[in-house]
Amino acid sequence: MRSTGPEAACLGADAMVVAPLLYSSIPNEVVGPNPDLTLRFTTAPAQPEVLTASTSLSVQNDTASVALEVQAGANQLAHGLATSLLLRSA
């Protein structure tokens, strides 16, 4: 079974949402769930090798925003934005 471009993009993006947060100055124990991931897809087909990049955009009001891009070869499969909750201890 071969994956479509959107399926491959979703799998890659889901896996990369938290990566820039874990390598930031945010303590790992406060990084919570990712309640929102929005992707915009292109019509490019999936390929055997899919690359995903993500970067932290902002941290404010107990949320962190992450930008994502998913590539298949020279083609962009998708780009998007995710929001992660930052859990504060009471």
PDB file of N, CA and C in Angstrom:
ATOM      1  N   MET A   1       0.845  -1.177   0.000  1.00  0.00           N
ATOM      2  CA  MET A   1       0.000   0.000   0.000  1.00  0.00           C
ATOM      3  C   MET A   1       0.896   1.249   0.000  1.00  0.00           C
ATOM      4  N   ARG A   2       0.562   2.186  -0.848  1.00  0.00           N
ATOM      5  CA  ARG A   2       1.321   3.433  -0.935  1.00  0.00           C
ATOM      6  C   ARG A   2       0.533   4.554  -0.273  1.00  0.00           C
ATOM      7  N   SER A   3       1.248   5.411   0.412  1.00  0.00           N
ATOM      8  CA  SER A   3       0.612   6.549   1.078  1.00  0.00           C
ATOM      9  C   SER A   3       0.388   7.682   0.095  1.00  0.00           C
ATOM     10  N   THR A   4      -0.657   8.439   0.316  1.00  0.00           N
ATOM     11  CA  THR A   4      -0.875   9.648  -0.473  1.00  0.00           C
ATOM     12  C   THR A   4      -0.061  10.782   0.139  1.00  0.00           C
ATOM     13  N   GLY A   5       0.064  11.883  -0.584  1.00  0.00           N
ATOM     14  CA  GLY A   5       0.781  13.038  -0.073  1.00  0.00           C
ATOM     15  C   GLY A   5       0.226  13.547   1.249  1.00  0.00           C
ATOM     16  N   PRO A   6      -1.101  13.747   1.370  1.00  0.00           N
ATOM     17  CA  PRO A   6      -1.644  14.216   2.649  1.00  0.00           C
ATOM     18  C   PRO A   6      -1.415  13.241   3.808  1.00  0.00           C
ATOM     19  N   GLU A   7      -1.528  11.948   3.556  1.00  0.00           N
ATOM     20  CA  GLU A   7      -1.279  10.965   4.624  1.00  0.00           C
ATOM     21  C   GLU A   7       0.169  11.035   5.093  1.00  0.00           C
ATOM     22  N   ALA A   8       1.097  11.071   4.152  1.00  0.00           N
ATOM     23  CA  ALA A   8       2.512  11.148   4.498  1.00  0.00           C
ATOM     24  C   ALA A   8       2.821  12.452   5.229  1.00  0.00           C
ATOM     25  N   ALA A   9       2.215  13.551   4.796  1.00  0.00           N
ATOM     26  CA  ALA A   9       2.436  14.845   5.438  1.00  0.00           C
ATOM     27  C   ALA A   9       1.931  14.835   6.878  1.00  0.00           C
ATOM     28  N   CYS A  10       0.773  14.245   7.118  1.00  0.00           N
ATOM     29  CA  CYS A  10       0.216  14.184   8.475  1.00  0.00           C
ATOM     30  C   CYS A  10       1.112  13.378   9.408  1.00  0.00           C
ATOM     31  N   LEU A  11       1.578  12.244   8.940  1.00  0.00           N
ATOM     32  CA  LEU A  11       2.450  11.412   9.770  1.00  0.00           C
ATOM     33  C   LEU A  11       3.739  12.146  10.117  1.00  0.00           C
ATOM     34  N   GLY A  12       4.348  12.786   9.134  1.00  0.00           N
ATOM     35  CA  GLY A  12       5.586  13.523   9.385  1.00  0.00           C
ATOM     36  C   GLY A  12       5.381  14.708  10.305  1.00  0.00           C
ATOM     37  N   ALA A  13       4.326  15.464  10.078  1.00  0.00           N
ATOM     38  CA  ALA A  13       4.061  16.659  10.886  1.00  0.00           C
ATOM     39  C   ALA A  13       3.729  16.291  12.326  1.00  0.00           C
ATOM     40  N   ASP A  14       2.896  15.283  12.537  1.00  0.00           N
ATOM     41  CA  ASP A  14       2.548  14.860  13.895  1.00  0.00           C
ATOM     42  C   ASP A  14       3.793  14.512  14.700  1.00  0.00           C
ATOM     43  N   ALA A  15       4.737  13.877  14.050  1.00  0.00           N
ATOM     44  CA  ALA A  15       5.955  13.449  14.748  1.00  0.00           C
ATOM     45  C   ALA A  15       6.887  14.606  15.084  1.00  0.00           C
ATOM     46  N   MET A  16       6.770  15.726  14.378  1.00  0.00           N
ATOM     47  CA  MET A  16       7.722  16.824  14.555  1.00  0.00           C
ATOM     48  C   MET A  16       7.188  18.030  15.324  1.00  0.00           C
ATOM     49  N   VAL A  17       5.958  17.984  15.799  1.00  0.00           N
ATOM     50  CA  VAL A  17       5.387  19.146  16.483  1.00  0.00           C
ATOM     51  C   VAL A  17       6.190  19.511  17.726  1.00  0.00           C
ATOM     52  N   VAL A  18       6.532  18.544  18.542  1.00  0.00           N
ATOM     53  CA  VAL A  18       7.144  18.839  19.836  1.00  0.00           C
ATOM     54  C   VAL A  18       8.670  19.010  19.759  1.00  0.00           C
ATOM     55  N   ALA A  19       9.297  18.596  18.674  1.00  0.00           N
ATOM     56  CA  ALA A  19      10.767  18.614  18.587  1.00  0.00           C
ATOM     57  C   ALA A  19      11.400  19.973  18.906  1.00  0.00           C
ATOM     58  N   PRO A  20      10.965  21.084  18.311  1.00  0.00           N
ATOM     59  CA  PRO A  20      11.638  22.349  18.628  1.00  0.00           C
ATOM     60  C   PRO A  20      11.414  22.800  20.072  1.00  0.00           C
ATOM     61  N   LEU A  21      10.338  22.343  20.692  1.00  0.00           N
ATOM     62  CA  LEU A  21      10.079  22.710  22.084  1.00  0.00           C
ATOM     63  C   LEU A  21      11.005  21.954  23.031  1.00  0.00           C
ATOM     64  N   LEU A  22      11.271  20.688  22.710  1.00  0.00           N
ATOM     65  CA  LEU A  22      12.153  19.891  23.559  1.00  0.00           C
ATOM     66  C   LEU A  22      13.592  20.387  23.514  1.00  0.00           C
ATOM     67  N   TYR A  23      13.980  21.063  22.429  1.00  0.00           N
ATOM     68  CA  TYR A  23      15.335  21.584  22.292  1.00  0.00           C
ATOM     69  C   TYR A  23      15.405  23.090  22.568  1.00  0.00           C
ATOM     70  N   SER A  24      14.379  23.607  23.220  1.00  0.00           N
ATOM     71  CA  SER A  24      14.356  25.036  23.558  1.00  0.00           C
ATOM     72  C   SER A  24      14.649  25.209  25.048  1.00  0.00           C
ATOM     73  N   SER A  25      14.495  26.419  25.523  1.00  0.00           N
ATOM     74  CA  SER A  25      14.703  26.691  26.947  1.00  0.00           C
ATOM     75  C   SER A  25      13.475  26.344  27.791  1.00  0.00           C
ATOM     76  N   ILE A  26      12.411  25.889  27.161  1.00  0.00           N
ATOM     77  CA  ILE A  26      11.207  25.486  27.887  1.00  0.00           C
ATOM     78  C   ILE A  26      11.497  24.162  28.595  1.00  0.00           C
ATOM     79  N   PRO A  27      11.256  24.066  29.893  1.00  0.00           N
ATOM     80  CA  PRO A  27      11.481  22.795  30.586  1.00  0.00           C
ATOM     81  C   PRO A  27      10.601  21.686  29.987  1.00  0.00           C
ATOM     82  N   ASN A  28      11.199  20.536  29.709  1.00  0.00           N
ATOM     83  CA  ASN A  28      10.460  19.436  29.074  1.00  0.00           C
ATOM     84  C   ASN A  28       9.221  19.024  29.852  1.00  0.00           C
ATOM     85  N   GLU A  29       9.264  19.120  31.185  1.00  0.00           N
ATOM     86  CA  GLU A  29       8.123  18.662  31.983  1.00  0.00           C
ATOM     87  C   GLU A  29       6.887  19.549  31.842  1.00  0.00           C
ATOM     88  N   VAL A  30       7.014  20.750  31.291  1.00  0.00           N
ATOM     89  CA  VAL A  30       5.828  21.597  31.118  1.00  0.00           C
ATOM     90  C   VAL A  30       5.238  21.506  29.710  1.00  0.00           C
ATOM     91  N   VAL A  31       5.929  20.828  28.795  1.00  0.00           N
ATOM     92  CA  VAL A  31       5.390  20.682  27.438  1.00  0.00           C
ATOM     93  C   VAL A  31       4.249  19.675  27.490  1.00  0.00           C
ATOM     94  N   GLY A  32       3.063  20.150  27.168  1.00  0.00           N
ATOM     95  CA  GLY A  32       1.866  19.316  27.261  1.00  0.00           C
ATOM     96  C   GLY A  32       1.407  18.829  25.908  1.00  0.00           C
ATOM     97  N   PRO A  33       0.121  18.509  25.827  1.00  0.00           N
ATOM     98  CA  PRO A  33      -0.424  17.977  24.576  1.00  0.00           C
ATOM     99  C   PRO A  33      -0.484  19.030  23.472  1.00  0.00           C
ATOM    100  N   ASN A  34      -0.610  18.540  22.255  1.00  0.00           N
ATOM    101  CA  ASN A  34      -0.703  19.403  21.073  1.00  0.00           C
ATOM    102  C   ASN A  34      -2.155  19.384  20.589  1.00  0.00           C
ATOM    103  N   PRO A  35      -2.982  20.280  21.113  1.00  0.00           N
ATOM    104  CA  PRO A  35      -4.405  20.211  20.791  1.00  0.00           C
ATOM    105  C   PRO A  35      -4.770  20.708  19.401  1.00  0.00           C
ATOM    106  N   ASP A  36      -3.840  21.372  18.725  1.00  0.00           N
ATOM    107  CA  ASP A  36      -4.198  21.958  17.438  1.00  0.00           C
ATOM    108  C   ASP A  36      -3.047  21.798  16.449  1.00  0.00           C
ATOM    109  N   LEU A  37      -3.311  21.132  15.336  1.00  0.00           N
ATOM    110  CA  LEU A  37      -2.349  21.039  14.236  1.00  0.00           C
ATOM    111  C   LEU A  37      -3.126  21.292  12.955  1.00  0.00           C
ATOM    112  N   THR A  38      -2.773  22.355  12.270  1.00  0.00           N
ATOM    113  CA  THR A  38      -3.432  22.727  11.026  1.00  0.00           C
ATOM    114  C   THR A  38      -2.423  22.611   9.895  1.00  0.00           C
ATOM    115  N   LEU A  39      -2.758  21.823   8.879  1.00  0.00           N
ATOM    116  CA  LEU A  39      -1.886  21.668   7.714  1.00  0.00           C
ATOM    117  C   LEU A  39      -2.617  22.084   6.454  1.00  0.00           C
ATOM    118  N   ARG A  40      -1.882  22.664   5.530  1.00  0.00           N
ATOM    119  CA  ARG A  40      -2.380  22.976   4.191  1.00  0.00           C
ATOM    120  C   ARG A  40      -1.578  22.108   3.236  1.00  0.00           C
ATOM    121  N   PHE A  41      -2.267  21.350   2.416  1.00  0.00           N
ATOM    122  CA  PHE A  41      -1.634  20.365   1.545  1.00  0.00           C
ATOM    123  C   PHE A  41      -1.475  20.883   0.120  1.00  0.00           C
ATOM    124  N   THR A  42      -0.451  20.373  -0.553  1.00  0.00           N
ATOM    125  CA  THR A  42      -0.289  20.611  -1.979  1.00  0.00           C
ATOM    126  C   THR A  42      -0.787  19.371  -2.716  1.00  0.00           C
ATOM    127  N   THR A  43      -0.683  19.365  -4.003  1.00  0.00           N
ATOM    128  CA  THR A  43      -1.098  18.195  -4.791  1.00  0.00           C
ATOM    129  C   THR A  43       0.071  17.266  -5.102  1.00  0.00           C
ATOM    130  N   ALA A  44       1.229  17.531  -4.505  1.00  0.00           N
ATOM    131  CA  ALA A  44       2.410  16.694  -4.756  1.00  0.00           C
ATOM    132  C   ALA A  44       2.183  15.276  -4.238  1.00  0.00           C
ATOM    133  N   PRO A  45       2.684  14.280  -4.948  1.00  0.00           N
ATOM    134  CA  PRO A  45       2.540  12.895  -4.485  1.00  0.00           C
ATOM    135  C   PRO A  45       3.559  12.569  -3.395  1.00  0.00           C
ATOM    136  N   ALA A  46       3.241  11.592  -2.578  1.00  0.00           N
ATOM    137  CA  ALA A  46       4.195  11.115  -1.575  1.00  0.00           C
ATOM    138  C   ALA A  46       5.328  10.393  -2.277  1.00  0.00           C
ATOM    139  N   GLN A  47       6.461  10.336  -1.628  1.00  0.00           N
ATOM    140  CA  GLN A  47       7.615   9.609  -2.130  1.00  0.00           C
ATOM    141  C   GLN A  47       8.155   8.742  -0.993  1.00  0.00           C
ATOM    142  N   PRO A  48       9.049   7.796  -1.292  1.00  0.00           N
ATOM    143  CA  PRO A  48       9.572   6.925  -0.230  1.00  0.00           C
ATOM    144  C   PRO A  48      10.247   7.692   0.910  1.00  0.00           C
ATOM    145  N   GLU A  49      10.848   8.827   0.606  1.00  0.00           N
ATOM    146  CA  GLU A  49      11.508   9.612   1.649  1.00  0.00           C
ATOM    147  C   GLU A  49      10.786  10.935   1.817  1.00  0.00           C
ATOM    148  N   VAL A  50      10.293  11.168   3.025  1.00  0.00           N
ATOM    149  CA  VAL A  50       9.595  12.408   3.362  1.00  0.00           C
ATOM    150  C   VAL A  50      10.380  13.097   4.471  1.00  0.00           C
ATOM    151  N   LEU A  51      10.675  14.378   4.297  1.00  0.00           N
ATOM    152  CA  LEU A  51      11.417  15.152   5.285  1.00  0.00           C
ATOM    153  C   LEU A  51      10.503  16.199   5.904  1.00  0.00           C
ATOM    154  N   THR A  52      10.624  16.368   7.214  1.00  0.00           N
ATOM    155  CA  THR A  52       9.801  17.337   7.929  1.00  0.00           C
ATOM    156  C   THR A  52      10.698  18.263   8.738  1.00  0.00           C
ATOM    157  N   ALA A  53      10.405  19.543   8.687  1.00  0.00           N
ATOM    158  CA  ALA A  53      11.134  20.533   9.482  1.00  0.00           C
ATOM    159  C   ALA A  53      10.131  21.298  10.335  1.00  0.00           C
ATOM    160  N   SER A  54      10.555  21.660  11.535  1.00  0.00           N
ATOM    161  CA  SER A  54       9.683  22.451  12.402  1.00  0.00           C
ATOM    162  C   SER A  54      10.524  23.437  13.187  1.00  0.00           C
ATOM    163  N   THR A  55       9.909  24.558  13.517  1.00  0.00           N
ATOM    164  CA  THR A  55      10.594  25.588  14.291  1.00  0.00           C
ATOM    165  C   THR A  55       9.599  26.269  15.228  1.00  0.00           C
ATOM    166  N   SER A  56      10.075  26.637  16.384  1.00  0.00           N
ATOM    167  CA  SER A  56       9.236  27.320  17.357  1.00  0.00           C
ATOM    168  C   SER A  56       9.052  28.779  16.927  1.00  0.00           C
ATOM    169  N   LEU A  57       7.823  29.238  16.922  1.00  0.00           N
ATOM    170  CA  LEU A  57       7.522  30.617  16.527  1.00  0.00           C
ATOM    171  C   LEU A  57       7.340  31.547  17.717  1.00  0.00           C
ATOM    172  N   SER A  58       6.567  31.077  18.718  1.00  0.00           N
ATOM    173  CA  SER A  58       6.324  31.946  19.869  1.00  0.00           C
ATOM    174  C   SER A  58       5.923  31.115  21.085  1.00  0.00           C
ATOM    175  N   VAL A  59       6.154  31.717  22.251  1.00  0.00           N
ATOM    176  CA  VAL A  59       5.730  31.135  23.524  1.00  0.00           C
ATOM    177  C   VAL A  59       5.083  32.260  24.310  1.00  0.00           C
ATOM    178  N   GLN A  60       3.788  32.095  24.597  1.00  0.00           N
ATOM    179  CA  GLN A  60       3.076  33.115  25.366  1.00  0.00           C
ATOM    180  C   GLN A  60       1.772  32.559  25.894  1.00  0.00           C
ATOM    181  N   ASN A  61       1.326  33.088  27.017  1.00  0.00           N
ATOM    182  CA  ASN A  61       0.054  32.703  27.626  1.00  0.00           C
ATOM    183  C   ASN A  61      -0.111  31.192  27.739  1.00  0.00           C
ATOM    184  N   ASP A  62       0.927  30.503  28.182  1.00  0.00           N
ATOM    185  CA  ASP A  62       0.916  29.050  28.394  1.00  0.00           C
ATOM    186  C   ASP A  62       0.649  28.240  27.128  1.00  0.00           C
ATOM    187  N   THR A  63       1.000  28.805  25.976  1.00  0.00           N
ATOM    188  CA  THR A  63       0.954  28.054  24.720  1.00  0.00           C
ATOM    189  C   THR A  63       2.240  28.320  23.938  1.00  0.00           C
ATOM    190  N   ALA A  64       2.571  27.359  23.094  1.00  0.00           N
ATOM    191  CA  ALA A  64       3.728  27.512  22.208  1.00  0.00           C
ATOM    192  C   ALA A  64       3.269  27.223  20.786  1.00  0.00           C
ATOM    193  N   SER A  65       3.684  28.049  19.850  1.00  0.00           N
ATOM    194  CA  SER A  65       3.318  27.868  18.444  1.00  0.00           C
ATOM    195  C   SER A  65       4.526  27.367  17.665  1.00  0.00           C
ATOM    196  N   VAL A  66       4.288  26.380  16.803  1.00  0.00           N
ATOM    197  CA  VAL A  66       5.342  25.743  16.027  1.00  0.00           C
ATOM    198  C   VAL A  66       4.941  25.752  14.558  1.00  0.00           C
ATOM    199  N   ALA A  67       5.855  26.152  13.672  1.00  0.00           N
ATOM    200  CA  ALA A  67       5.633  26.093  12.226  1.00  0.00           C
ATOM    201  C   ALA A  67       6.223  24.790  11.703  1.00  0.00           C
ATOM    202  N   LEU A  68       5.544  24.173  10.720  1.00  0.00           N
ATOM    203  CA  LEU A  68       5.988  22.909  10.147  1.00  0.00           C
ATOM    204  C   LEU A  68       5.983  22.968   8.636  1.00  0.00           C
ATOM    205  N   GLU A  69       6.914  22.232   8.031  1.00  0.00           N
ATOM    206  CA  GLU A  69       6.939  22.065   6.579  1.00  0.00           C
ATOM    207  C   GLU A  69       7.299  20.613   6.288  1.00  0.00           C
ATOM    208  N   VAL A  70       6.590  20.018   5.339  1.00  0.00           N
ATOM    209  CA  VAL A  70       6.839  18.629   4.959  1.00  0.00           C
ATOM    210  C   VAL A  70       7.190  18.593   3.477  1.00  0.00           C
ATOM    211  N   GLN A  71       8.333  17.984   3.166  1.00  0.00           N
ATOM    212  CA  GLN A  71       8.838  17.888   1.796  1.00  0.00           C
ATOM    213  C   GLN A  71       8.924  16.422   1.365  1.00  0.00           C
ATOM    214  N   ALA A  72       8.686  16.169   0.095  1.00  0.00           N
ATOM    215  CA  ALA A  72       8.916  14.868  -0.534  1.00  0.00           C
ATOM    216  C   ALA A  72       9.778  15.139  -1.758  1.00  0.00           C
ATOM    217  N   GLY A  73      11.072  14.847  -1.652  1.00  0.00           N
ATOM    218  CA  GLY A  73      11.982  15.199  -2.733  1.00  0.00           C
ATOM    219  C   GLY A  73      12.036  16.706  -2.856  1.00  0.00           C
ATOM    220  N   ALA A  74      11.873  17.221  -4.061  1.00  0.00           N
ATOM    221  CA  ALA A  74      11.894  18.663  -4.294  1.00  0.00           C
ATOM    222  C   ALA A  74      10.522  19.302  -4.113  1.00  0.00           C
ATOM    223  N   ASN A  75       9.512  18.506  -3.785  1.00  0.00           N
ATOM    224  CA  ASN A  75       8.143  19.004  -3.677  1.00  0.00           C
ATOM    225  C   ASN A  75       7.711  19.228  -2.234  1.00  0.00           C
ATOM    226  N   GLN A  76       7.030  20.332  -1.995  1.00  0.00           N
ATOM    227  CA  GLN A  76       6.427  20.556  -0.691  1.00  0.00           C
ATOM    228  C   GLN A  76       5.113  19.791  -0.636  1.00  0.00           C
ATOM    229  N   LEU A  77       4.941  18.942   0.393  1.00  0.00           N
ATOM    230  CA  LEU A  77       3.678  18.231   0.578  1.00  0.00           C
ATOM    231  C   LEU A  77       2.686  19.061   1.377  1.00  0.00           C
ATOM    232  N   ALA A  78       3.202  19.765   2.392  1.00  0.00           N
ATOM    233  CA  ALA A  78       2.315  20.546   3.256  1.00  0.00           C
ATOM    234  C   ALA A  78       3.129  21.529   4.087  1.00  0.00           C
ATOM    235  N   HIS A  79       2.430  22.526   4.604  1.00  0.00           N
ATOM    236  CA  HIS A  79       2.989  23.419   5.604  1.00  0.00           C
ATOM    237  C   HIS A  79       1.880  23.714   6.601  1.00  0.00           C
ATOM    238  N   GLY A  80       2.267  24.058   7.809  1.00  0.00           N
ATOM    239  CA  GLY A  80       1.224  24.278   8.796  1.00  0.00           C
ATOM    240  C   GLY A  80       1.708  24.906  10.081  1.00  0.00           C
ATOM    241  N   LEU A  81       0.803  24.923  11.043  1.00  0.00           N
ATOM    242  CA  LEU A  81       1.019  25.539  12.335  1.00  0.00           C
ATOM    243  C   LEU A  81       0.422  24.638  13.403  1.00  0.00           C
ATOM    244  N   ALA A  82       1.138  24.476  14.504  1.00  0.00           N
ATOM    245  CA  ALA A  82       0.643  23.694  15.637  1.00  0.00           C
ATOM    246  C   ALA A  82       0.740  24.540  16.904  1.00  0.00           C
ATOM    247  N   THR A  83      -0.170  24.284  17.836  1.00  0.00           N
ATOM    248  CA  THR A  83      -0.149  24.939  19.131  1.00  0.00           C
ATOM    249  C   THR A  83      -0.066  23.877  20.204  1.00  0.00           C
ATOM    250  N   SER A  84       0.893  24.031  21.095  1.00  0.00           N
ATOM    251  CA  SER A  84       1.071  23.101  22.208  1.00  0.00           C
ATOM    252  C   SER A  84       0.750  23.812  23.513  1.00  0.00           C
ATOM    253  N   LEU A  85       0.121  23.099  24.428  1.00  0.00           N
ATOM    254  CA  LEU A  85      -0.145  23.647  25.759  1.00  0.00           C
ATOM    255  C   LEU A  85       1.101  23.505  26.608  1.00  0.00           C
ATOM    256  N   LEU A  86       1.355  24.509  27.432  1.00  0.00           N
ATOM    257  CA  LEU A  86       2.444  24.447  28.406  1.00  0.00           C
ATOM    258  C   LEU A  86       1.787  24.319  29.773  1.00  0.00           C
ATOM    259  N   LEU A  87       2.055  23.221  30.433  1.00  0.00           N
ATOM    260  CA  LEU A  87       1.414  22.899  31.708  1.00  0.00           C
ATOM    261  C   LEU A  87       2.217  23.489  32.857  1.00  0.00           C
ATOM    262  N   ARG A  88       1.587  24.268  33.672  1.00  0.00           N
ATOM    263  CA  ARG A  88       2.249  24.874  34.836  1.00  0.00           C
ATOM    264  C   ARG A  88       1.783  24.149  36.087  1.00  0.00           C
ATOM    265  N   SER A  89       2.706  23.870  36.990  1.00  0.00           N
ATOM    266  CA  SER A  89       2.315  23.211  38.236  1.00  0.00           C
ATOM    267  C   SER A  89       1.643  24.238  39.154  1.00  0.00           C
ATOM    268  N   ALA A  90       0.669  23.765  39.895  1.00  0.00           N
ATOM    269  CA  ALA A  90      -0.111  24.670  40.755  1.00  0.00           C
ATOM    270  C   ALA A  90       0.623  24.983  42.039  1.00  0.00           C
TER     271      ALA A  90
END
